[in-house]
Protein backbone atom coordinates (compact mmCIF):
# COMPACT_ATOMS: atom_id res chain seq x y z
CA UNK A 1 53.75 -34.68 -26.73
CA UNK A 2 54.59 -31.07 -27.41
CA UNK A 3 57.99 -30.19 -26.04
CA UNK A 4 57.94 -33.17 -23.64
CA UNK A 5 54.96 -31.76 -21.77
CA UNK A 6 52.27 -34.26 -20.82
CA UNK A 7 48.79 -33.95 -22.25
CA UNK A 8 46.88 -33.54 -19.01
CA UNK A 9 44.22 -31.03 -20.05
CA UNK A 10 40.80 -31.97 -21.38
CA UNK A 11 40.12 -31.04 -24.97
CA UNK A 12 38.57 -27.64 -25.60
CA UNK A 13 35.35 -27.28 -27.64
CA UNK A 14 37.42 -25.95 -30.54
CA UNK A 15 39.69 -29.00 -30.48
CA UNK A 16 36.68 -31.31 -30.37
CA UNK A 17 35.01 -29.47 -33.25
CA UNK A 18 38.12 -29.70 -35.42
CA UNK A 19 38.46 -33.42 -34.70
CA UNK A 20 34.80 -33.96 -35.53
CA UNK A 21 35.16 -32.12 -38.84
CA UNK A 22 38.02 -34.50 -39.67
CA UNK A 23 35.78 -37.45 -38.85
CA UNK A 24 37.71 -38.36 -35.69
CA UNK A 25 34.95 -39.53 -33.36
CA UNK A 26 34.48 -42.27 -30.79
CA UNK A 27 32.75 -45.10 -32.63
CA UNK A 28 32.76 -48.86 -32.22
CA UNK A 29 32.47 -50.81 -35.46
CA UNK A 30 31.84 -53.96 -33.46
CA UNK A 31 28.88 -52.40 -31.67
CA UNK A 32 27.35 -51.43 -35.01
CA UNK A 33 27.86 -54.91 -36.45
CA UNK A 34 26.47 -56.73 -33.42
CA UNK A 35 23.40 -54.52 -33.12
CA UNK A 36 22.70 -54.97 -36.84
CA UNK A 37 23.09 -58.73 -36.49
CA UNK A 38 20.82 -58.79 -33.44
CA UNK A 39 18.20 -56.79 -35.31
CA UNK A 40 18.38 -59.21 -38.22
CA UNK A 41 17.89 -62.15 -35.87
CA UNK A 42 14.71 -60.57 -34.53
CA UNK A 43 13.59 -59.74 -38.07
CA UNK A 44 14.13 -63.30 -39.28
CA UNK A 45 10.86 -64.35 -37.67
CA UNK A 46 8.45 -62.27 -39.77
CA UNK A 47 10.75 -61.67 -42.75
CA UNK A 48 12.66 -64.98 -42.93
CA UNK A 49 9.59 -67.09 -43.50
CA UNK A 50 8.42 -64.73 -46.24
CA UNK A 51 11.87 -64.93 -47.87
CA UNK A 52 11.77 -68.73 -47.69
CA UNK A 53 8.34 -68.84 -49.33
CA UNK A 54 9.51 -66.49 -52.09
CA UNK A 55 12.58 -68.61 -52.88
CA UNK A 56 10.57 -71.83 -52.68
CA UNK A 57 8.00 -70.43 -55.08
CA UNK A 58 10.77 -69.44 -57.48
CA UNK A 59 12.31 -72.95 -57.56
CA UNK A 60 8.88 -74.52 -57.90
CA UNK A 61 8.22 -72.31 -60.90
CA UNK A 62 11.59 -73.12 -62.45
CA UNK A 63 11.23 -76.86 -62.00
CA UNK A 64 7.71 -76.84 -63.41
CA UNK A 65 8.70 -75.16 -66.66
CA UNK A 66 8.89 -77.37 -69.72
CA UNK A 67 11.22 -75.20 -71.83
CA UNK A 68 14.37 -75.68 -69.73
CA UNK A 69 15.74 -78.01 -72.37
CA UNK A 70 15.88 -75.10 -74.81
CA UNK A 71 18.52 -72.94 -73.07
CA UNK A 72 18.93 -70.15 -75.57
CA UNK A 73 20.06 -66.65 -74.75
CA UNK A 74 16.51 -65.37 -74.32
CA UNK A 75 15.70 -68.09 -71.81
CA UNK A 76 18.89 -67.43 -69.84
CA UNK A 77 18.11 -63.69 -69.69
CA UNK A 78 14.57 -64.39 -68.50
CA UNK A 79 15.79 -66.80 -65.82
CA UNK A 80 18.41 -64.29 -64.65
CA UNK A 81 15.82 -61.51 -64.39
CA UNK A 82 13.49 -63.78 -62.43
CA UNK A 83 16.33 -64.81 -60.09
CA UNK A 84 17.28 -61.19 -59.46
CA UNK A 85 13.69 -60.22 -58.74
CA UNK A 86 13.31 -63.18 -56.40
CA UNK A 87 16.47 -62.31 -54.46
CA UNK A 88 15.37 -58.69 -54.25
CA UNK A 89 11.93 -59.63 -52.88
CA UNK A 90 13.38 -62.22 -50.52
CA UNK A 91 16.37 -60.40 -49.06
CA UNK A 92 15.56 -56.76 -49.87
CA UNK A 93 13.51 -56.23 -46.67
CA UNK A 94 16.29 -57.77 -44.56
CA UNK A 95 18.89 -55.56 -46.23
CA UNK A 96 16.70 -52.51 -45.64
CA UNK A 97 16.29 -53.42 -41.95
CA UNK A 98 20.06 -53.86 -41.62
CA UNK A 99 20.72 -50.49 -43.27
CA UNK A 100 18.20 -48.69 -41.05
CA UNK A 101 19.59 -50.26 -37.89
CA UNK A 102 23.14 -49.37 -38.96
CA UNK A 103 22.19 -45.74 -39.54
CA UNK A 104 20.38 -45.50 -36.21
CA UNK A 105 23.20 -47.06 -34.14
CA UNK A 106 25.78 -44.81 -35.81
CA UNK A 107 23.62 -41.76 -35.08
CA UNK A 108 23.37 -42.87 -31.46
CA UNK A 109 27.16 -43.21 -31.23
CA UNK A 110 28.37 -40.06 -33.04
CA UNK A 111 25.28 -38.05 -33.98
CA UNK A 112 24.80 -36.41 -37.41
CA UNK A 113 28.22 -36.17 -39.06
CA UNK A 114 29.39 -35.27 -42.55
CA UNK A 115 33.20 -35.42 -42.66
CA UNK A 116 34.50 -35.12 -46.22
CA UNK A 117 38.12 -35.09 -45.06
CA UNK A 118 37.93 -38.83 -44.45
CA UNK A 119 37.42 -39.28 -48.20
CA UNK A 120 40.70 -37.58 -49.10
CA UNK A 121 43.61 -39.90 -49.93
CA UNK A 122 46.01 -40.39 -47.03
CA UNK A 123 49.30 -42.06 -47.95
CA UNK A 124 50.05 -42.76 -44.28
CA UNK A 125 47.42 -45.47 -44.43
CA UNK A 126 49.55 -47.44 -46.91
CA UNK A 127 52.90 -46.49 -45.39
CA UNK A 128 54.60 -49.72 -44.19
CA UNK A 129 56.38 -47.93 -41.34
CA UNK A 130 53.18 -46.41 -40.03
CA UNK A 131 51.47 -49.77 -40.36
CA UNK A 132 54.26 -51.47 -38.43
CA UNK A 133 53.97 -48.91 -35.65
CA UNK A 134 50.23 -49.56 -35.41
CA UNK A 135 50.83 -53.31 -35.46
CA UNK A 136 53.15 -53.19 -32.43
CA UNK A 137 51.20 -50.52 -30.54
CA UNK A 138 49.21 -50.90 -27.33
CA UNK A 139 46.03 -50.50 -29.37
CA UNK A 140 46.98 -53.53 -31.50
CA UNK A 141 47.64 -55.53 -28.34
CA UNK A 142 44.18 -54.65 -27.03
CA UNK A 143 42.63 -55.67 -30.36
CA UNK A 144 44.51 -59.01 -30.22
CA UNK A 145 43.25 -59.68 -26.70
CA UNK A 146 39.72 -58.79 -27.79
CA UNK A 147 39.89 -61.14 -30.76
CA UNK A 148 41.16 -64.01 -28.60
CA UNK A 149 38.41 -63.41 -26.08
CA UNK A 150 35.77 -63.36 -28.78
CA UNK A 151 37.01 -66.59 -30.36
CA UNK A 152 37.15 -68.33 -26.99
CA UNK A 153 33.73 -67.02 -25.98
CA UNK A 154 32.10 -68.02 -29.27
CA UNK A 155 33.64 -71.47 -29.04
CA UNK A 156 32.43 -71.95 -25.48
CA UNK A 157 28.90 -70.78 -26.28
CA UNK A 158 28.71 -73.04 -29.34
CA UNK A 159 29.98 -76.04 -27.36
CA UNK A 160 27.63 -75.44 -24.41
CA UNK A 161 24.64 -74.99 -26.73
CA UNK A 162 25.37 -78.21 -28.59
CA UNK A 163 25.97 -80.06 -25.32
CA UNK A 164 22.72 -78.80 -23.86
CA UNK A 165 20.77 -79.89 -26.94
CA UNK A 166 22.67 -83.14 -27.48
CA UNK A 167 19.71 -85.39 -26.51
CA UNK A 168 17.60 -83.65 -29.16
CA UNK A 169 20.25 -83.70 -31.85
CA UNK A 170 21.00 -87.43 -31.63
CA UNK A 171 17.45 -88.30 -32.70
CA UNK A 172 17.48 -86.03 -35.74
CA UNK A 173 18.49 -88.96 -37.98
CA UNK A 174 15.30 -90.86 -37.01
CA UNK A 175 13.00 -87.84 -37.62
CA UNK A 176 11.34 -86.73 -40.82
CA UNK A 177 13.37 -84.39 -42.97
CA UNK A 178 11.40 -81.20 -42.31
CA UNK A 179 11.15 -81.90 -38.58
CA UNK A 180 14.90 -82.55 -38.39
CA UNK A 181 15.69 -79.37 -40.31
CA UNK A 182 13.37 -77.38 -38.03
CA UNK A 183 15.09 -78.77 -34.91
CA UNK A 184 18.57 -78.02 -36.24
CA UNK A 185 17.51 -74.50 -37.19
CA UNK A 186 16.05 -74.00 -33.72
CA UNK A 187 19.35 -75.03 -32.11
CA UNK A 188 21.31 -72.81 -34.49
CA UNK A 189 19.02 -69.87 -33.77
CA UNK A 190 19.39 -70.45 -30.03
CA UNK A 191 23.17 -70.53 -30.44
CA UNK A 192 23.12 -67.36 -32.55
CA UNK A 193 21.11 -65.43 -29.95
CA UNK A 194 23.49 -66.50 -27.17
CA UNK A 195 26.55 -65.54 -29.19
CA UNK A 196 25.11 -62.18 -30.27
CA UNK A 197 24.06 -61.35 -26.70
CA UNK A 198 27.55 -62.09 -25.41
CA UNK A 199 29.10 -60.13 -28.29
CA UNK A 200 26.79 -57.23 -27.50
CA UNK A 201 28.27 -57.00 -24.00
CA UNK A 202 31.79 -57.07 -25.45
CA UNK A 203 30.80 -54.46 -28.03
CA UNK A 204 29.50 -52.14 -25.31
CA UNK A 205 32.83 -52.51 -23.51
CA UNK A 206 34.60 -51.83 -26.80
CA UNK A 207 32.58 -48.65 -27.27
CA UNK A 208 33.59 -47.49 -23.79
CA UNK A 209 37.22 -48.26 -24.66
CA UNK A 210 36.93 -46.34 -27.95
CA UNK A 211 35.58 -43.31 -26.10
CA UNK A 212 38.45 -43.53 -23.61
CA UNK A 213 40.98 -43.74 -26.44
CA UNK A 214 39.34 -40.85 -28.27
CA UNK A 215 39.40 -38.62 -25.19
CA UNK A 216 43.03 -39.59 -24.57
CA UNK A 217 44.02 -38.63 -28.10
CA UNK A 218 42.23 -35.30 -27.84
CA UNK A 219 43.98 -34.27 -24.62
CA UNK A 220 46.05 -31.11 -24.78
CA UNK A 221 49.05 -29.69 -23.01
CA UNK A 222 48.73 -26.55 -20.93
CA UNK A 223 50.72 -24.61 -23.52
CA UNK A 224 48.31 -25.72 -26.26
CA UNK A 225 45.33 -24.58 -24.19
CA UNK A 226 46.97 -21.20 -23.53
CA UNK A 227 47.90 -20.76 -27.18
CA UNK A 228 44.38 -21.60 -28.32
CA UNK A 229 42.95 -19.16 -25.79
CA UNK A 230 45.24 -16.43 -27.09
CA UNK A 231 44.19 -17.18 -30.66
CA UNK A 232 40.53 -17.00 -29.72
CA UNK A 233 40.97 -13.79 -27.76
CA UNK A 234 43.07 -12.13 -30.46
CA UNK A 235 46.10 -9.88 -30.17
CA UNK A 236 46.35 -7.26 -27.38
CA UNK A 237 46.24 -4.49 -29.98
CA UNK A 238 43.01 -5.85 -31.47
CA UNK A 239 41.43 -6.25 -28.04
CA UNK A 240 42.45 -2.67 -27.18
CA UNK A 241 40.82 -1.34 -30.35
CA UNK A 242 37.67 -3.35 -29.65
CA UNK A 243 37.44 -2.02 -26.09
CA UNK A 244 38.04 1.55 -27.32
CA UNK A 245 35.28 1.16 -29.89
CA UNK A 246 32.94 -0.26 -27.27
CA UNK A 247 33.68 2.67 -24.94
CA UNK A 248 33.01 5.12 -27.77
CA UNK A 249 29.66 3.53 -28.58
CA UNK A 250 28.69 3.51 -24.88
CA UNK A 251 29.74 7.16 -24.53
CA UNK A 252 27.61 8.22 -27.52
CA UNK A 253 24.66 6.29 -26.16
CA UNK A 254 25.13 7.94 -22.76
CA UNK A 255 25.40 11.46 -24.23
CA UNK A 256 22.17 10.90 -26.15
CA UNK A 257 20.39 10.57 -22.78
CA UNK A 258 21.54 13.97 -21.45
CA UNK A 259 18.87 16.04 -23.31
CA UNK A 260 16.18 13.86 -21.69
CA UNK A 261 17.53 14.31 -18.15
CA UNK A 262 15.68 16.28 -15.44
CA UNK A 263 18.81 17.79 -13.92
CA UNK A 264 22.61 17.74 -14.14
CA UNK A 265 24.43 17.90 -10.81
CA UNK A 266 28.01 19.22 -11.03
CA UNK A 267 31.11 19.58 -8.86
CA UNK A 268 31.11 22.23 -10.62
CA UNK A 269 34.11 21.45 -12.88
CA UNK A 270 35.41 17.96 -12.14
CA UNK A 271 32.21 15.88 -12.04
CA UNK A 272 28.83 15.96 -13.78
CA UNK A 273 25.95 13.52 -13.22
CA UNK A 274 22.67 13.63 -15.16
CA UNK A 275 19.53 12.30 -13.43
CA UNK A 276 16.12 11.40 -14.79
CA UNK A 277 13.11 10.54 -12.64
CA UNK A 278 10.02 8.87 -14.10
CA UNK A 279 7.78 7.28 -11.42
CA UNK A 280 6.10 5.15 -14.09
CA UNK A 281 9.41 3.44 -14.92
CA UNK A 282 11.50 3.49 -11.73
CA UNK A 283 10.82 4.10 -8.05
CA UNK A 284 13.89 6.38 -7.72
CA UNK A 285 15.89 8.72 -9.95
CA UNK A 286 18.24 6.99 -12.40
CA UNK A 287 21.75 8.07 -13.40
CA UNK A 288 21.53 8.39 -17.20
CA UNK A 289 24.96 9.99 -17.75
CA UNK A 290 28.06 10.80 -15.75
CA UNK A 291 31.56 11.97 -16.48
CA UNK A 292 34.75 13.46 -15.11
CA UNK A 293 36.83 16.44 -16.29
CA UNK A 294 36.51 16.69 -20.10
CA UNK A 295 33.50 14.41 -20.29
CA UNK A 296 31.86 16.34 -17.46
CA UNK A 297 32.39 19.53 -19.46
CA UNK A 298 30.71 17.98 -22.50
CA UNK A 299 27.76 16.90 -20.37
CA UNK A 300 27.36 20.44 -19.04
CA UNK A 301 27.59 21.94 -22.54
CA UNK A 302 25.01 19.49 -23.87
CA UNK A 303 22.70 20.26 -20.93
CA UNK A 304 22.98 23.99 -21.56
CA UNK A 305 22.23 23.49 -25.26
CA UNK A 306 19.01 21.59 -24.48
CA UNK A 307 18.01 23.78 -21.54
CA UNK A 308 18.48 21.06 -18.91
CA UNK A 309 18.84 22.58 -15.39
CA UNK A 310 22.38 22.46 -13.95
CA UNK A 311 22.76 22.44 -10.18
CA UNK A 312 26.11 22.81 -8.41
CA UNK A 313 26.37 20.44 -5.44
CA UNK A 314 29.96 19.12 -5.10
CA UNK A 315 29.37 16.55 -2.30
CA UNK A 316 26.30 15.10 -4.02
CA UNK A 317 27.99 15.09 -7.44
CA UNK A 318 31.00 13.19 -6.08
CA UNK A 319 28.79 10.71 -4.23
CA UNK A 320 26.62 10.01 -7.28
CA UNK A 321 29.65 9.62 -9.55
CA UNK A 322 31.44 7.18 -7.26
CA UNK A 323 28.54 5.20 -5.81
CA UNK A 324 26.01 4.82 -8.63
CA UNK A 325 26.67 2.97 -11.88
CA UNK A 326 25.32 4.17 -15.17
CA UNK A 327 21.70 3.21 -15.68
CA UNK A 328 21.18 2.39 -11.98
CA UNK A 329 18.87 3.96 -9.42
CA UNK A 330 20.32 6.11 -6.69
CA UNK A 331 20.76 4.42 -3.27
CA UNK A 332 18.34 5.22 -0.39
CA UNK A 333 21.00 7.19 1.52
CA UNK A 334 20.99 9.79 -1.26
CA UNK A 335 17.21 10.11 -1.54
CA UNK A 336 16.98 13.20 0.66
CA UNK A 337 19.76 15.14 -1.06
CA UNK A 338 18.48 14.32 -4.54
CA UNK A 339 14.88 15.11 -3.52
CA UNK A 340 15.97 18.61 -2.46
CA UNK A 341 17.67 19.14 -5.81
CA UNK A 342 14.67 17.89 -7.77
CA UNK A 343 12.28 20.01 -5.69
CA UNK A 344 14.44 23.05 -6.43
CA UNK A 345 14.49 22.20 -10.13
CA UNK A 346 10.73 21.64 -10.25
CA UNK A 347 10.23 24.98 -8.48
CA UNK A 348 12.43 26.72 -11.04
CA UNK A 349 10.61 25.04 -13.92
CA UNK A 350 7.24 26.01 -12.44
CA UNK A 351 8.30 29.62 -12.06
CA UNK A 352 9.63 29.61 -15.62
CA UNK A 353 6.34 28.29 -16.99
CA UNK A 354 4.37 30.88 -15.02
CA UNK A 355 6.52 33.70 -16.44
CA UNK A 356 6.06 32.38 -19.93
CA UNK A 357 2.28 32.13 -19.45
CA UNK A 358 2.09 35.72 -18.14
CA UNK A 359 4.22 36.95 -21.01
CA UNK A 360 1.97 35.23 -23.53
CA UNK A 361 -1.12 36.62 -21.79
CA UNK A 362 0.09 40.24 -22.02
CA UNK A 363 0.79 39.94 -25.75
């Protein structure tokens, strides 16, 4: 605990990501082992018989050879190579099935993970004091209880299986060898399936316990959460500079819209609001720029430079500035006032065009 404060807060995504990069994930080794063993039991049917035939063929070949009395180095090397090839053909498919099942069950538990930090040497793992603490911890007690339960459960299942098949087993001595071996193997396979099924239930419970322990270890104090939030947000000075830069970019973008406006409505000195109306884009005029005091003066100057009409209407300018956000359409209660301004501007523009056309015609 940090400073005596309890870890009551759930881990943040950053905390979880850091733990995952270190390879600290919720994973049950027992679940992986049991699922692999269960998969091998199912694979023994099609693959076990093939492995038995391969090994049987190998021993038949060895026993039929006539040169076993001459055990020179060349013969030993040849026999070793044949034995290795036989083992590879017999048990290679089973090993491949086990590897594939192990990869799949680990992916199901933790997902894709490449944590190189787990490969680094950690002297705490061989520290006797740390080992003693783990040995007398609550986690070690849980592991001891789990081991006792597993031993007792396996013993009970083995005993009940043998007891249930006792009438069959007592006649094995009077059966032919292959029939007796087949019966014993059938009982052993039945026992194995029962044990693995029971272990699978325990492994699922172990996985739930591992997830609980993992979440408990990742918990944070409130101070740790606040400190991480401050680190992610940055210093107040940095945030202030970022906000200032964002305001500057937004202001430049807004000022670039002034030359395209239809009219600029002013206070005349304190407020300035630029409107643009395009029926093909919006059903009402849109505020493309607005400002107060110095910014309002810059909007007026930019409008004059690009010959955008400027109309003085203090009540309308104040209403537009306070009620309409940048880039938004004007509200219905201002339709009439804005329509009068636009009609006046359109009338001025029409008169200006007519004067220009008459002047060009007289030249």
